[in-house]
Protein backbone atom coordinates (compact mmCIF):
# COMPACT_ATOMS: atom_id res chain seq x y z
CA UNK A 1 -8.82 -16.29 -31.73
CA UNK A 2 -7.50 -13.51 -28.93
CA UNK A 3 -8.00 -14.00 -25.34
CA UNK A 4 -10.24 -10.59 -25.48
CA UNK A 5 -13.13 -12.89 -27.60
CA UNK A 6 -12.91 -15.70 -25.30
CA UNK A 7 -12.67 -14.39 -21.35
CA UNK A 8 -14.03 -11.47 -20.14
CA UNK A 9 -10.61 -9.79 -19.21
CA UNK A 10 -11.81 -7.66 -16.07
CA UNK A 11 -13.62 -10.58 -14.58
CA UNK A 12 -10.16 -12.63 -15.09
CA UNK A 13 -8.02 -9.99 -13.67
CA UNK A 14 -10.11 -9.23 -10.83
CA UNK A 15 -10.31 -13.18 -10.04
CA UNK A 16 -6.57 -13.10 -9.68
CA UNK A 17 -6.02 -10.17 -7.82
CA UNK A 18 -8.43 -11.75 -5.36
CA UNK A 19 -6.24 -14.96 -5.43
CA UNK A 20 -3.18 -12.73 -5.21
CA UNK A 21 -5.00 -11.04 -1.47
CA UNK A 22 -5.14 -14.79 -0.54
CA UNK A 23 -1.64 -15.51 -1.01
CA UNK A 24 0.05 -13.05 1.72
CA UNK A 25 3.35 -12.15 1.45
CA UNK A 26 4.12 -14.20 -1.36
CA UNK A 27 1.16 -12.42 -3.50
CA UNK A 28 3.28 -9.58 -4.04
CA UNK A 29 5.40 -11.23 -6.18
CA UNK A 30 2.52 -13.15 -7.69
CA UNK A 31 1.33 -9.67 -8.55
CA UNK A 32 4.15 -8.18 -10.24
CA UNK A 33 4.69 -11.43 -12.47
CA UNK A 34 0.66 -11.04 -13.73
CA UNK A 35 1.16 -7.35 -13.81
CA UNK A 36 4.14 -7.92 -16.37
CA UNK A 37 2.02 -10.83 -18.12
CA UNK A 38 -0.84 -8.50 -18.44
CA UNK A 39 1.25 -5.47 -20.41
CA UNK A 40 2.94 -8.22 -22.35
CA UNK A 41 -0.28 -9.28 -23.53
CA UNK A 42 -1.74 -5.75 -24.10
CA UNK A 43 -4.28 -6.20 -21.55
CA UNK A 44 -5.57 -2.59 -19.59
CA UNK A 45 -2.75 -2.02 -16.86
CA UNK A 46 -5.36 0.53 -15.21
CA UNK A 47 -7.73 -2.19 -13.26
CA UNK A 48 -4.31 -3.91 -11.99
CA UNK A 49 -2.89 -0.55 -11.25
CA UNK A 50 -6.09 0.43 -9.29
CA UNK A 51 -6.21 -3.01 -7.56
CA UNK A 52 -2.95 -3.21 -6.50
CA UNK A 53 -3.80 0.36 -4.11
CA UNK A 54 -6.94 -1.56 -3.02
CA UNK A 55 -5.32 -4.87 -2.09
CA UNK A 56 -1.53 -3.35 -0.51
CA UNK A 57 -2.81 0.23 0.34
CA UNK A 58 -1.90 3.18 -1.93
CA UNK A 59 1.58 3.35 -0.94
CA UNK A 60 2.67 -0.66 -1.13
CA UNK A 61 0.55 -0.52 -3.81
CA UNK A 62 2.49 2.03 -5.83
CA UNK A 63 5.29 0.39 -5.25
CA UNK A 64 4.47 -2.72 -6.81
CA UNK A 65 2.78 -1.40 -9.74
CA UNK A 66 6.35 0.41 -10.32
CA UNK A 67 8.27 -2.73 -10.11
CA UNK A 68 6.39 -4.73 -12.07
CA UNK A 69 6.29 -2.30 -14.68
CA UNK A 70 9.81 -1.11 -14.62
CA UNK A 71 11.18 -4.50 -16.47
CA UNK A 72 9.17 -3.59 -19.42
CA UNK A 73 10.47 -0.35 -20.01
CA UNK A 74 14.18 -2.11 -20.80
């Protein structure tokens, strides 16, 4: 049984981002951790990337996505 078969992945990620938005400055670290976990679990990063722009703004959201995705490259 996979996580995709049990949960609505988009709704799960959307709820996580709402939670991150409510954390304030600690939310940045939580977002990066969620982004890393999503990539490792083969969840779609596009939704997280777009939502980062909405939650943090385009500039900071792009930076946080870049930093969150970089550890996966190594």
